[in-house]
Amino acid sequence: MILDGAGLSVSLDLASQIWQLAISVPKDFIPYNYVIPVISDLHERGYKIGVLSNLRRNMSELCDNLGLSRFLDFYISSVDVGAEKPDPAVFIAALKKANVEASEAVHVGDQRRSDVLGAKRVGIHPILLDRGGWHTDMTECVRINSLNELQPLLMGAPNSLITHGTSTG
């Protein structure tokens, strides 16, 4: 999908080989400067916060290294569940960890297919984090450009999470 979106036509076999190579490369992460203040505030307000990731890594160690663990109630990787987003199993595992119904949950993610469609498939309210402003045509869910926009949306939920065919951000 990435190669096709970039205008490169390759066989499924070659795309699979490229993907396997890409996921084998170790990746380091640094949180955006607003991430910790936002999740710290949400944590203090009593929201249950978790990380769902398709990364094949030890999420506990990664979240510790990023300084996020003290604000998180859980983390789930595709390895833990044996499936990758958008598979419903990942989102259902998160609902169980958070001990909430899908209609009470919000999933913030930066990918339309794995995050938005995956969350919608199980009844979770999706929010697309569109830092680059590339998805201005998004009508399937609320769209934000920064996590700084999240807290006001949550305060107005569930009405603030209904798109009526338009986007915010």
C-alpha atoms as a PDB file:
ATOM      1  CA  MET A   1       0.000   0.000   0.000  1.00  0.00           C
ATOM      2  CA  ILE A   2       2.840   2.380   0.834  1.00  0.00           C
ATOM      3  CA  LEU A   3       4.651   1.683  -2.420  1.00  0.00           C
ATOM      4  CA  ASP A   4       1.429   1.859  -4.414  1.00  0.00           C
ATOM      5  CA  GLY A   5       0.566   5.158  -2.741  1.00  0.00           C
ATOM      6  CA  ALA A   6       3.977   6.454  -3.790  1.00  0.00           C
ATOM      7  CA  GLY A   7       3.221   5.504  -7.391  1.00  0.00           C
ATOM      8  CA  LEU A   8       5.512   2.446  -7.445  1.00  0.00           C
ATOM      9  CA  SER A   9       4.049  -0.701  -8.901  1.00  0.00           C
ATOM     10  CA  VAL A  10       5.703  -3.840  -7.498  1.00  0.00           C
ATOM     11  CA  SER A  11       4.700  -7.465  -7.177  1.00  0.00           C
ATOM     12  CA  LEU A  12       3.156  -8.668  -3.946  1.00  0.00           C
ATOM     13  CA  ASP A  13       6.207 -10.897  -3.425  1.00  0.00           C
ATOM     14  CA  LEU A  14       8.633  -7.970  -3.747  1.00  0.00           C
ATOM     15  CA  ALA A  15       6.455  -5.792  -1.509  1.00  0.00           C
ATOM     16  CA  SER A  16       6.494  -8.562   1.109  1.00  0.00           C
ATOM     17  CA  GLN A  17      10.288  -8.826   0.919  1.00  0.00           C
ATOM     18  CA  ILE A  18      10.655  -5.055   1.299  1.00  0.00           C
ATOM     19  CA  TRP A  19       8.277  -5.070   4.287  1.00  0.00           C
ATOM     20  CA  GLN A  20      10.181  -7.878   6.021  1.00  0.00           C
ATOM     21  CA  LEU A  21      13.402  -5.916   5.588  1.00  0.00           C
ATOM     22  CA  ALA A  22      11.795  -2.705   6.868  1.00  0.00           C
ATOM     23  CA  ILE A  23      10.430  -4.304  10.036  1.00  0.00           C
ATOM     24  CA  SER A  24      13.756  -5.952  10.813  1.00  0.00           C
ATOM     25  CA  VAL A  25      15.539  -2.593  11.136  1.00  0.00           C
ATOM     26  CA  PRO A  26      15.726  -1.438  14.782  1.00  0.00           C
ATOM     27  CA  LYS A  27      13.942   1.849  15.360  1.00  0.00           C
ATOM     28  CA  ASP A  28      14.430   4.400  18.097  1.00  0.00           C
ATOM     29  CA  PHE A  29      11.684   6.775  19.119  1.00  0.00           C
ATOM     30  CA  ILE A  30      11.553  10.166  20.772  1.00  0.00           C
ATOM     31  CA  PRO A  31       8.157  11.466  21.898  1.00  0.00           C
ATOM     32  CA  TYR A  32       6.948  14.769  20.479  1.00  0.00           C
ATOM     33  CA  ASN A  33       7.417  17.505  23.090  1.00  0.00           C
ATOM     34  CA  TYR A  34       3.686  17.716  23.828  1.00  0.00           C
ATOM     35  CA  VAL A  35       3.071  13.969  24.334  1.00  0.00           C
ATOM     36  CA  ILE A  36       4.070  13.618  27.984  1.00  0.00           C
ATOM     37  CA  PRO A  37       2.244  16.771  29.166  1.00  0.00           C
ATOM     38  CA  VAL A  38      -0.940  15.692  27.347  1.00  0.00           C
ATOM     39  CA  ILE A  39      -0.984  12.110  28.599  1.00  0.00           C
ATOM     40  CA  SER A  40       0.069  13.227  32.071  1.00  0.00           C
ATOM     41  CA  ASP A  41      -2.924  15.597  32.174  1.00  0.00           C
ATOM     42  CA  LEU A  42      -5.300  12.920  30.902  1.00  0.00           C
ATOM     43  CA  HIS A  43      -3.906  10.437  33.410  1.00  0.00           C
ATOM     44  CA  GLU A  44      -4.432  12.917  36.258  1.00  0.00           C
ATOM     45  CA  ARG A  45      -8.023  13.429  35.079  1.00  0.00           C
ATOM     46  CA  GLY A  46      -8.625   9.696  35.478  1.00  0.00           C
ATOM     47  CA  TYR A  47      -8.631   8.549  31.872  1.00  0.00           C
ATOM     48  CA  LYS A  48      -7.395   5.024  31.247  1.00  0.00           C
ATOM     49  CA  ILE A  49      -4.562   5.246  28.738  1.00  0.00           C
ATOM     50  CA  GLY A  50      -2.959   2.499  26.734  1.00  0.00           C
ATOM     51  CA  VAL A  51      -0.677   2.015  23.770  1.00  0.00           C
ATOM     52  CA  LEU A  52      -1.620  -0.319  20.923  1.00  0.00           C
ATOM     53  CA  SER A  53       1.184  -0.978  18.500  1.00  0.00           C
ATOM     54  CA  ASN A  54       2.000  -3.191  15.552  1.00  0.00           C
ATOM     55  CA  LEU A  55       5.672  -2.922  16.511  1.00  0.00           C
ATOM     56  CA  ARG A  56       7.318  -6.230  17.238  1.00  0.00           C
ATOM     57  CA  ARG A  57       9.055  -4.967  20.356  1.00  0.00           C
ATOM     58  CA  ASN A  58       8.890  -5.211  24.093  1.00  0.00           C
ATOM     59  CA  MET A  59       6.346  -2.438  24.690  1.00  0.00           C
ATOM     60  CA  SER A  60       7.051  -2.262  28.417  1.00  0.00           C
ATOM     61  CA  GLU A  61      10.705  -1.515  27.761  1.00  0.00           C
ATOM     62  CA  LEU A  62       9.937   0.950  24.948  1.00  0.00           C
ATOM     63  CA  CYS A  63       7.376   2.874  27.026  1.00  0.00           C
ATOM     64  CA  ASP A  64       9.791   2.941  29.987  1.00  0.00           C
ATOM     65  CA  ASN A  65      12.567   4.327  27.767  1.00  0.00           C
ATOM     66  CA  LEU A  66      10.225   7.023  26.432  1.00  0.00           C
ATOM     67  CA  GLY A  67       9.104   8.076  29.926  1.00  0.00           C
ATOM     68  CA  LEU A  68       5.503   7.086  29.227  1.00  0.00           C
ATOM     69  CA  SER A  69       4.973   4.067  31.469  1.00  0.00           C
ATOM     70  CA  ARG A  70       3.988   5.955  34.599  1.00  0.00           C
ATOM     71  CA  PHE A  71       0.986   7.418  32.736  1.00  0.00           C
ATOM     72  CA  LEU A  72      -0.130   4.199  31.052  1.00  0.00           C
ATOM     73  CA  ASP A  73      -2.580   1.610  32.285  1.00  0.00           C
ATOM     74  CA  PHE A  74      -1.561  -0.934  29.647  1.00  0.00           C
ATOM     75  CA  TYR A  75       0.302  -1.538  26.418  1.00  0.00           C
ATOM     76  CA  ILE A  76      -0.436  -4.096  23.759  1.00  0.00           C
ATOM     77  CA  SER A  77       1.730  -5.097  20.844  1.00  0.00           C
ATOM     78  CA  SER A  78       0.744  -7.198  17.876  1.00  0.00           C
ATOM     79  CA  VAL A  79       3.038  -9.897  19.267  1.00  0.00           C
ATOM     80  CA  ASP A  80       0.988 -10.015  22.500  1.00  0.00           C
ATOM     81  CA  VAL A  81      -2.236 -10.602  20.594  1.00  0.00           C
ATOM     82  CA  GLY A  82      -0.964 -12.586  17.624  1.00  0.00           C
ATOM     83  CA  ALA A  83      -2.565 -10.127  15.211  1.00  0.00           C
ATOM     84  CA  GLU A  84      -1.929  -6.633  13.862  1.00  0.00           C
ATOM     85  CA  LYS A  85      -4.181  -3.609  13.683  1.00  0.00           C
ATOM     86  CA  PRO A  86      -6.696  -3.357  12.024  1.00  0.00           C
ATOM     87  CA  ASP A  87      -7.522  -6.876  13.252  1.00  0.00           C
ATOM     88  CA  PRO A  88     -10.343  -6.600  15.809  1.00  0.00           C
ATOM     89  CA  ALA A  89      -8.411  -8.828  18.249  1.00  0.00           C
ATOM     90  CA  VAL A  90      -5.989  -5.975  19.037  1.00  0.00           C
ATOM     91  CA  PHE A  91      -8.773  -3.538  19.862  1.00  0.00           C
ATOM     92  CA  ILE A  92     -10.779  -6.117  21.795  1.00  0.00           C
ATOM     93  CA  ALA A  93      -7.684  -6.891  23.894  1.00  0.00           C
ATOM     94  CA  ALA A  94      -7.388  -3.169  24.685  1.00  0.00           C
ATOM     95  CA  LEU A  95     -11.047  -2.966  25.701  1.00  0.00           C
ATOM     96  CA  LYS A  96     -10.550  -5.892  28.052  1.00  0.00           C
ATOM     97  CA  LYS A  97      -7.402  -4.350  29.587  1.00  0.00           C
ATOM     98  CA  ALA A  98      -9.182  -1.030  30.068  1.00  0.00           C
ATOM     99  CA  ASN A  99     -12.347  -2.768  31.269  1.00  0.00           C
ATOM    100  CA  VAL A 100     -14.587  -0.518  29.161  1.00  0.00           C
ATOM    101  CA  GLU A 101     -17.208  -0.956  26.471  1.00  0.00           C
ATOM    102  CA  ALA A 102     -16.288  -0.017  22.899  1.00  0.00           C
ATOM    103  CA  SER A 103     -18.742   2.899  22.955  1.00  0.00           C
ATOM    104  CA  GLU A 104     -16.824   4.351  25.934  1.00  0.00           C
ATOM    105  CA  ALA A 105     -13.428   4.106  24.241  1.00  0.00           C
ATOM    106  CA  VAL A 106     -11.434   6.368  21.938  1.00  0.00           C
ATOM    107  CA  HIS A 107      -8.530   5.229  19.785  1.00  0.00           C
ATOM    108  CA  VAL A 108      -6.104   7.887  18.566  1.00  0.00           C
ATOM    109  CA  GLY A 109      -3.913   6.767  15.707  1.00  0.00           C
ATOM    110  CA  ASP A 110      -2.068   8.162  12.729  1.00  0.00           C
ATOM    111  CA  GLN A 111      -3.059   5.633  10.075  1.00  0.00           C
ATOM    112  CA  ARG A 112      -6.405   5.462   8.334  1.00  0.00           C
ATOM    113  CA  ARG A 113      -6.474   1.723   7.660  1.00  0.00           C
ATOM    114  CA  SER A 114      -4.954   0.215  10.784  1.00  0.00           C
ATOM    115  CA  ASP A 115      -6.138   2.789  13.323  1.00  0.00           C
ATOM    116  CA  VAL A 116      -9.353   4.394  12.069  1.00  0.00           C
ATOM    117  CA  LEU A 117     -10.911   1.435  10.284  1.00  0.00           C
ATOM    118  CA  GLY A 118      -9.717  -1.027  12.922  1.00  0.00           C
ATOM    119  CA  ALA A 119     -11.243   0.977  15.775  1.00  0.00           C
ATOM    120  CA  LYS A 120     -14.499   1.594  13.907  1.00  0.00           C
ATOM    121  CA  ARG A 121     -14.812  -2.111  13.137  1.00  0.00           C
ATOM    122  CA  VAL A 122     -15.268  -2.879  16.857  1.00  0.00           C
ATOM    123  CA  GLY A 123     -17.295   0.230  17.744  1.00  0.00           C
ATOM    124  CA  ILE A 124     -14.495   2.333  19.254  1.00  0.00           C
ATOM    125  CA  HIS A 125     -14.523   6.068  18.472  1.00  0.00           C
ATOM    126  CA  PRO A 126     -11.499   6.681  16.219  1.00  0.00           C
ATOM    127  CA  ILE A 127      -9.556   9.938  16.060  1.00  0.00           C
ATOM    128  CA  LEU A 128      -7.021  10.398  13.281  1.00  0.00           C
ATOM    129  CA  LEU A 129      -3.839  12.157  14.392  1.00  0.00           C
ATOM    130  CA  ASP A 130      -2.878  13.910  11.162  1.00  0.00           C
ATOM    131  CA  ARG A 131       0.296  15.806  12.112  1.00  0.00           C
ATOM    132  CA  GLY A 132       1.155  16.630   8.500  1.00  0.00           C
ATOM    133  CA  GLY A 133      -2.323  17.708   7.417  1.00  0.00           C
ATOM    134  CA  TRP A 134      -2.393  15.120   4.626  1.00  0.00           C
ATOM    135  CA  HIS A 135      -5.902  13.841   5.299  1.00  0.00           C
ATOM    136  CA  THR A 136      -8.023  16.967   5.026  1.00  0.00           C
ATOM    137  CA  ASP A 137     -10.641  14.937   3.155  1.00  0.00           C
ATOM    138  CA  MET A 138     -11.138  12.576   6.106  1.00  0.00           C
ATOM    139  CA  THR A 139     -14.841  12.245   6.873  1.00  0.00           C
ATOM    140  CA  GLU A 140     -14.829   8.861   8.610  1.00  0.00           C
ATOM    141  CA  CYS A 141     -13.805  10.284  11.969  1.00  0.00           C
ATOM    142  CA  VAL A 142     -12.603  13.356  13.780  1.00  0.00           C
ATOM    143  CA  ARG A 143      -9.148  14.485  12.656  1.00  0.00           C
ATOM    144  CA  ILE A 144      -6.666  16.368  14.837  1.00  0.00           C
ATOM    145  CA  ASN A 145      -3.235  17.793  14.016  1.00  0.00           C
ATOM    146  CA  SER A 146      -1.785  17.485  17.521  1.00  0.00           C
ATOM    147  CA  LEU A 147      -2.485  15.625  20.747  1.00  0.00           C
ATOM    148  CA  ASN A 148      -3.009  19.079  22.272  1.00  0.00           C
ATOM    149  CA  GLU A 149      -6.439  18.978  20.589  1.00  0.00           C
ATOM    150  CA  LEU A 150      -7.426  15.739  22.322  1.00  0.00           C
ATOM    151  CA  GLN A 151      -8.469  16.891  25.793  1.00  0.00           C
ATOM    152  CA  PRO A 152     -11.212  19.288  24.586  1.00  0.00           C
ATOM    153  CA  LEU A 153     -12.604  16.519  22.366  1.00  0.00           C
ATOM    154  CA  LEU A 154     -12.740  14.117  25.282  1.00  0.00           C
ATOM    155  CA  MET A 155     -14.448  16.698  27.477  1.00  0.00           C
ATOM    156  CA  GLY A 156     -17.213  17.030  24.859  1.00  0.00           C
ATOM    157  CA  ALA A 157     -17.576  13.304  24.170  1.00  0.00           C
ATOM    158  CA  PRO A 158     -19.493  11.592  22.779  1.00  0.00           C
ATOM    159  CA  ASN A 159     -20.979  14.459  20.724  1.00  0.00           C
ATOM    160  CA  SER A 160     -17.557  15.885  19.872  1.00  0.00           C
ATOM    161  CA  LEU A 161     -16.563  12.540  18.345  1.00  0.00           C
ATOM    162  CA  ILE A 162     -19.396  12.441  15.796  1.00  0.00           C
ATOM    163  CA  THR A 163     -18.238  13.784  12.446  1.00  0.00           C
ATOM    164  CA  HIS A 164     -21.431  14.380  10.455  1.00  0.00           C
ATOM    165  CA  GLY A 165     -19.239  14.199   7.361  1.00  0.00           C
ATOM    166  CA  THR A 166     -16.792  16.918   8.418  1.00  0.00           C
ATOM    167  CA  SER A 167     -13.401  17.004  10.077  1.00  0.00           C
ATOM    168  CA  THR A 168     -11.776  19.158  12.700  1.00  0.00           C
ATOM    169  CA  GLY A 169      -8.139  20.147  12.682  1.00  0.00           C
END
